[in-house]
Amino acid sequence: MIKILMHKDDEVAKLKVDSDNILEEVIEIYNEDLLPEKTNNPYQSLHKWLMLRKMSLRRDDLSPIREFYGSKIFVSDNSRSLFDCYWLKNKKSECWDSINAFKNWIYYNDDIFLMLFQPEDYDGPDDEMINDSPNLTISGTEKRLWYKDKDGVTGLIDSDVREQTQMYKKAVENGISIVAERKPIILCKHLFTFIPQKTTEDIESIPFDHLYNTTFDINLSKEANLQKCCETYNIPKWMDFFDELMEFDKILEKNDRELMDIRVLRDSNTLKILGFDTL
């Protein structure tokens, strides 16, 4: 099937994908500047982007539900997200205003949220399910879901409360400022950690890896490539960020952090990089 990769109402690329949103062909690129990742191999980068726009089958909370409901319902029709303003256009009549999850997504009307949040109480959709949940485009194996609290703040809830709480406590005790706040929250008599996010329809959070790959030089060391990328994109306070990140990883005894774990904030209108996002 043919889908148009969109950024808000701007056409980015014309793609041919299969029923699982696996890229088969890049038919045409309309706006190279708006590609999620600008490399010399558009097919490879767009294939990776689409793969990251899926829930990981290795999520512990997904496997039993997937066996019961089947895998097709966990493929997003339009790949919309609450991290950024990219989406896949299926029909000519679709526009950003109708897709925009920052404005028109409600967690308690989201079947994927309800299915994974309290599977024992989920009775199935009232009508035919529309697979446009932004929860379908959360990558990674962490058991996280989008949620909006009583104050209207959008963030991620995580059921691994102990791990998240301990990590945030270590950050606070050691003066690490690059870690997002973790708030305890009780929902339906279950304890979760709520992680507020900074994203809006004007501020996106994109993987740092997408920038790093555009400036990567095989002849440079990793440290030199990091510097080259940050200076090319004029990322504010990048040295302070990586100094804190290295210190924090030592505290956590973590030596397997990948660039995909790091995100940057970007103005969705000007595409200017605003700085590193919190962890």
Protein backbone atom coordinates (compact mmCIF):
# COMPACT_ATOMS: atom_id res chain seq x y z
CA MET A 1 0.00 0.00 0.00
CA ILE A 2 1.04 3.60 -0.61
CA LYS A 3 1.40 6.00 2.32
CA ILE A 4 2.73 9.54 2.56
CA LEU A 5 5.14 10.32 5.38
CA MET A 6 4.00 13.64 6.80
CA HIS A 7 5.39 16.19 9.24
CA LYS A 8 2.33 18.07 10.39
CA ASP A 9 0.78 19.09 7.03
CA ASP A 10 4.03 18.93 5.05
CA GLU A 11 4.59 15.98 2.73
CA VAL A 12 7.98 14.38 3.35
CA ALA A 13 8.14 11.19 1.28
CA LYS A 14 5.97 8.78 -0.67
CA LEU A 15 6.39 5.22 0.60
CA LYS A 16 5.24 1.75 -0.29
CA VAL A 17 4.70 -0.37 2.81
CA ASP A 18 3.18 -3.75 3.57
CA SER A 19 0.30 -4.46 5.95
CA ASP A 20 2.70 -4.39 8.92
CA ASN A 21 4.09 -0.96 7.93
CA ILE A 22 7.36 -2.56 6.81
CA LEU A 23 8.99 -0.42 4.15
CA GLU A 24 9.08 -1.95 0.67
CA GLU A 25 10.06 1.05 -1.41
CA VAL A 26 10.83 4.75 -1.17
CA ILE A 27 8.93 6.03 -4.21
CA GLU A 28 9.73 9.72 -3.92
CA ILE A 29 11.20 12.19 -1.45
CA TYR A 30 9.32 15.48 -1.37
CA ASN A 31 11.22 17.32 1.36
CA GLU A 32 14.70 16.10 2.28
CA ASP A 33 15.05 18.63 5.11
CA LEU A 34 12.07 17.07 6.90
CA LEU A 35 13.24 13.46 6.73
CA PRO A 36 13.39 11.96 10.24
CA GLU A 37 17.01 11.03 9.55
CA LYS A 38 18.95 12.52 6.63
CA THR A 39 21.52 10.02 5.34
CA ASN A 40 22.91 8.91 2.01
CA ASN A 41 20.63 5.89 2.16
CA PRO A 42 17.00 7.06 2.50
CA TYR A 43 15.62 3.52 2.24
CA GLN A 44 17.76 2.30 5.14
CA SER A 45 17.00 5.27 7.39
CA LEU A 46 13.24 5.23 6.66
CA HIS A 47 13.12 1.48 7.16
CA LYS A 48 14.73 1.94 10.58
CA TRP A 49 12.37 4.80 11.41
CA LEU A 50 9.32 2.68 10.63
CA MET A 51 10.68 -0.21 12.70
CA LEU A 52 11.14 2.15 15.65
CA ARG A 53 7.52 3.23 15.20
CA LYS A 54 6.37 -0.10 16.62
CA MET A 55 5.82 -1.59 20.05
CA SER A 56 8.51 -4.13 20.82
CA LEU A 57 7.28 -7.71 20.80
CA ARG A 58 9.71 -8.28 23.69
CA ARG A 59 7.59 -6.19 26.08
CA ASP A 60 6.47 -8.42 28.95
CA ASP A 61 3.02 -6.83 29.01
CA LEU A 62 2.42 -7.32 25.29
CA SER A 63 3.12 -11.00 24.66
CA PRO A 64 0.05 -12.62 26.34
CA ILE A 65 -2.33 -9.98 24.96
CA ARG A 66 -0.88 -10.32 21.48
CA GLU A 67 -1.49 -14.07 21.60
CA PHE A 68 -5.14 -13.46 22.50
CA TYR A 69 -6.00 -10.56 20.15
CA GLY A 70 -3.52 -11.24 17.35
CA SER A 71 -0.68 -9.07 16.11
CA LYS A 72 -2.53 -6.89 13.56
CA ILE A 73 -4.11 -4.64 16.18
CA PHE A 74 -0.63 -3.64 17.34
CA VAL A 75 0.25 -2.06 13.99
CA SER A 76 -0.57 1.65 13.90
CA ASP A 77 -2.57 2.86 10.90
CA ASN A 78 -1.00 6.32 10.89
CA SER A 79 2.07 5.97 13.16
CA ARG A 80 1.23 9.14 15.09
CA SER A 81 3.16 9.83 18.26
CA LEU A 82 3.35 12.10 21.27
CA PHE A 83 7.12 12.45 20.83
CA ASP A 84 6.97 14.30 17.51
CA CYS A 85 4.78 15.49 14.64
CA TYR A 86 5.45 12.75 12.08
CA TRP A 87 2.65 10.53 10.81
CA LEU A 88 1.62 8.41 7.83
CA LYS A 89 -1.12 9.66 5.59
CA ASN A 90 -3.47 7.01 4.23
CA LYS A 91 -6.18 9.15 2.65
CA LYS A 92 -6.13 12.46 0.79
CA SER A 93 -8.73 13.85 3.18
CA GLU A 94 -6.54 13.39 6.26
CA CYS A 95 -4.85 16.44 7.74
CA TRP A 96 -2.73 17.29 10.79
CA ASP A 97 -5.66 18.75 12.71
CA SER A 98 -7.48 15.42 12.62
CA ILE A 99 -4.35 13.36 13.42
CA ASN A 100 -2.69 15.63 16.02
CA ALA A 101 -2.44 13.50 19.17
CA PHE A 102 -1.30 16.49 21.22
CA LYS A 103 -4.79 17.93 20.82
CA ASN A 104 -7.20 15.08 20.21
CA TRP A 105 -5.87 12.02 22.04
CA ILE A 106 -7.59 10.97 25.29
CA TYR A 107 -6.05 8.07 27.20
CA TYR A 108 -9.34 6.73 28.58
CA ASN A 109 -10.71 6.37 25.03
CA ASP A 110 -7.56 4.58 23.87
CA ASP A 111 -8.18 0.84 23.51
CA ILE A 112 -4.46 0.03 23.46
CA PHE A 113 -3.98 1.97 26.71
CA LEU A 114 -6.93 0.20 28.37
CA MET A 115 -5.85 -3.20 27.05
CA LEU A 116 -2.31 -2.92 28.46
CA PHE A 117 -3.12 -0.86 31.56
CA GLN A 118 -5.71 -3.25 33.01
CA PRO A 119 -6.01 -6.30 30.76
CA GLU A 120 -8.08 -8.16 33.35
CA ASP A 121 -10.83 -5.50 33.15
CA TYR A 122 -10.71 -4.85 29.40
CA ASP A 123 -13.84 -6.13 27.61
CA GLY A 124 -12.80 -5.17 24.09
CA PRO A 125 -13.69 -2.09 22.00
CA ASP A 126 -17.27 -0.81 21.90
CA ASP A 127 -17.02 -0.45 18.12
CA GLU A 128 -14.47 -1.46 15.50
CA MET A 129 -11.04 -0.61 16.86
CA ILE A 130 -9.19 2.29 15.24
CA ASN A 131 -5.48 1.57 15.42
CA ASP A 132 -4.17 5.10 15.88
CA SER A 133 -3.01 5.01 19.49
CA PRO A 134 0.27 6.86 20.16
CA ASN A 135 1.04 3.98 22.51
CA LEU A 136 1.58 1.82 19.43
CA THR A 137 4.61 3.90 18.46
CA ILE A 138 6.52 3.64 21.76
CA SER A 139 9.68 1.69 20.99
CA GLY A 140 11.77 -0.23 23.49
CA THR A 141 11.00 -3.01 25.95
CA GLU A 142 10.06 -0.86 28.95
CA LYS A 143 6.42 -1.22 30.02
CA ARG A 144 5.41 2.36 29.39
CA LEU A 145 2.18 4.03 28.30
CA TRP A 146 1.20 7.59 27.51
CA TYR A 147 -0.98 9.24 30.15
CA LYS A 148 -2.30 12.71 30.94
CA ASP A 149 -2.54 13.60 34.63
CA LYS A 150 -5.21 15.64 36.40
CA ASP A 151 -3.27 18.85 35.71
CA GLY A 152 -3.22 18.18 31.98
CA VAL A 153 0.48 17.22 31.92
CA THR A 154 1.30 14.53 29.35
CA GLY A 155 3.86 11.93 30.25
CA LEU A 156 4.69 8.24 30.45
CA ILE A 157 3.59 5.88 33.20
CA ASP A 158 5.95 3.03 34.03
CA SER A 159 5.00 -0.02 36.07
CA ASP A 160 8.59 -0.73 37.16
CA VAL A 161 8.17 1.63 40.10
CA ARG A 162 11.07 0.45 42.23
CA GLU A 163 13.67 0.67 39.46
CA GLN A 164 12.48 4.08 38.25
CA THR A 165 12.23 5.51 41.76
CA GLN A 166 15.70 4.32 42.75
CA MET A 167 17.22 5.72 39.57
CA TYR A 168 15.67 9.14 40.13
CA LYS A 169 16.67 9.11 43.80
CA LYS A 170 20.31 8.48 42.84
CA ALA A 171 20.15 11.34 40.35
CA VAL A 172 18.81 13.75 42.96
CA GLU A 173 21.29 12.65 45.65
CA ASN A 174 24.21 13.16 43.28
CA GLY A 175 23.07 16.46 41.79
CA ILE A 176 22.37 14.99 38.35
CA SER A 177 20.02 17.35 36.52
CA ILE A 178 19.58 15.48 33.22
CA VAL A 179 17.12 12.91 34.61
CA ALA A 180 13.41 13.64 34.31
CA GLU A 181 11.37 13.69 37.50
CA ARG A 182 9.70 10.43 38.52
CA LYS A 183 6.43 10.93 40.40
CA PRO A 184 4.54 8.14 42.19
CA ILE A 185 0.95 7.93 41.02
CA ILE A 186 -1.88 5.57 42.00
CA LEU A 187 -4.26 4.56 39.21
CA CYS A 188 -7.06 2.07 39.83
CA LYS A 189 -5.37 0.98 43.08
CA HIS A 190 -2.08 0.24 41.25
CA LEU A 191 1.15 2.17 41.82
CA PHE A 192 3.00 3.60 38.82
CA THR A 193 5.77 6.07 38.16
CA PHE A 194 4.74 9.11 36.13
CA ILE A 195 7.46 10.68 33.98
CA PRO A 196 6.39 14.10 32.64
CA GLN A 197 7.45 14.85 29.07
CA LYS A 198 8.33 18.20 27.50
CA THR A 199 6.86 17.46 24.08
CA THR A 200 4.07 19.51 22.51
CA GLU A 201 3.05 20.11 18.91
CA ASP A 202 5.73 22.85 18.90
CA ILE A 203 8.51 20.92 20.68
CA GLU A 204 9.52 17.46 19.49
CA SER A 205 11.77 14.88 21.09
CA ILE A 206 13.83 12.96 18.54
CA PRO A 207 16.59 10.34 18.94
CA PHE A 208 20.07 11.88 19.07
CA ASP A 209 21.15 8.95 16.93
CA HIS A 210 19.26 10.49 13.99
CA LEU A 211 21.52 13.54 14.14
CA TYR A 212 24.71 11.62 14.90
CA ASN A 213 24.37 9.46 11.79
CA THR A 214 24.15 12.49 9.51
CA THR A 215 27.58 13.80 10.55
CA PHE A 216 29.34 10.52 11.33
CA ASP A 217 32.89 10.20 10.02
CA ILE A 218 34.42 6.72 10.04
CA ASN A 219 37.89 8.23 10.46
CA LEU A 220 37.01 9.93 13.75
CA SER A 221 36.75 8.51 17.26
CA LYS A 222 33.37 8.30 18.97
CA GLU A 223 34.23 11.31 21.12
CA ALA A 224 35.27 13.34 18.07
CA ASN A 225 32.08 12.32 16.25
CA LEU A 226 29.97 13.37 19.23
CA GLN A 227 31.66 16.76 19.22
CA LYS A 228 31.26 17.13 15.46
CA CYS A 229 27.54 16.35 15.63
CA CYS A 230 26.82 18.65 18.56
CA GLU A 231 28.75 21.53 17.02
CA THR A 232 27.17 21.01 13.58
CA TYR A 233 23.69 21.26 15.05
CA ASN A 234 24.65 23.92 17.62
CA ILE A 235 23.24 21.89 20.49
CA PRO A 236 23.29 24.10 23.62
CA LYS A 237 25.29 22.91 26.64
CA TRP A 238 26.16 19.59 25.03
CA MET A 239 29.43 19.19 26.96
CA ASP A 240 27.63 19.68 30.28
CA PHE A 241 25.09 17.04 29.26
CA PHE A 242 27.66 14.39 28.39
CA ASP A 243 29.72 15.16 31.51
CA GLU A 244 26.65 14.50 33.66
CA LEU A 245 25.67 11.47 31.60
CA MET A 246 29.08 9.84 32.09
CA GLU A 247 28.98 10.61 35.81
CA PHE A 248 25.46 9.20 36.13
CA ASP A 249 26.31 6.02 34.22
CA LYS A 250 29.25 5.47 36.58
CA ILE A 251 26.89 5.81 39.54
CA LEU A 252 24.49 3.31 37.95
CA GLU A 253 27.40 1.08 36.87
CA LYS A 254 25.86 1.22 33.40
CA ASN A 255 28.16 0.65 30.44
CA ASP A 256 25.67 -0.30 27.74
CA ARG A 257 23.94 3.02 27.03
CA GLU A 258 23.23 3.50 23.32
CA LEU A 259 22.77 6.73 21.38
CA MET A 260 19.15 5.71 20.74
CA ASP A 261 18.60 6.05 24.52
CA ILE A 262 19.43 9.76 24.25
CA ARG A 263 16.98 12.27 22.81
CA VAL A 264 17.13 15.93 21.79
CA LEU A 265 14.41 18.55 21.81
CA ARG A 266 13.62 20.26 18.52
CA ASP A 267 11.41 23.18 17.51
CA SER A 268 8.89 21.47 15.22
CA ASN A 269 8.35 24.65 13.21
CA THR A 270 11.93 25.84 12.61
CA LEU A 271 13.65 22.44 13.14
CA LYS A 272 16.17 24.16 15.42
CA ILE A 273 17.69 21.87 18.05
CA LEU A 274 16.86 23.29 21.49
CA GLY A 275 19.02 21.00 23.62
CA PHE A 276 19.15 17.52 25.05
CA ASP A 277 15.99 16.00 26.47
CA THR A 278 16.02 14.60 30.00
CA LEU A 279 16.46 10.87 30.48
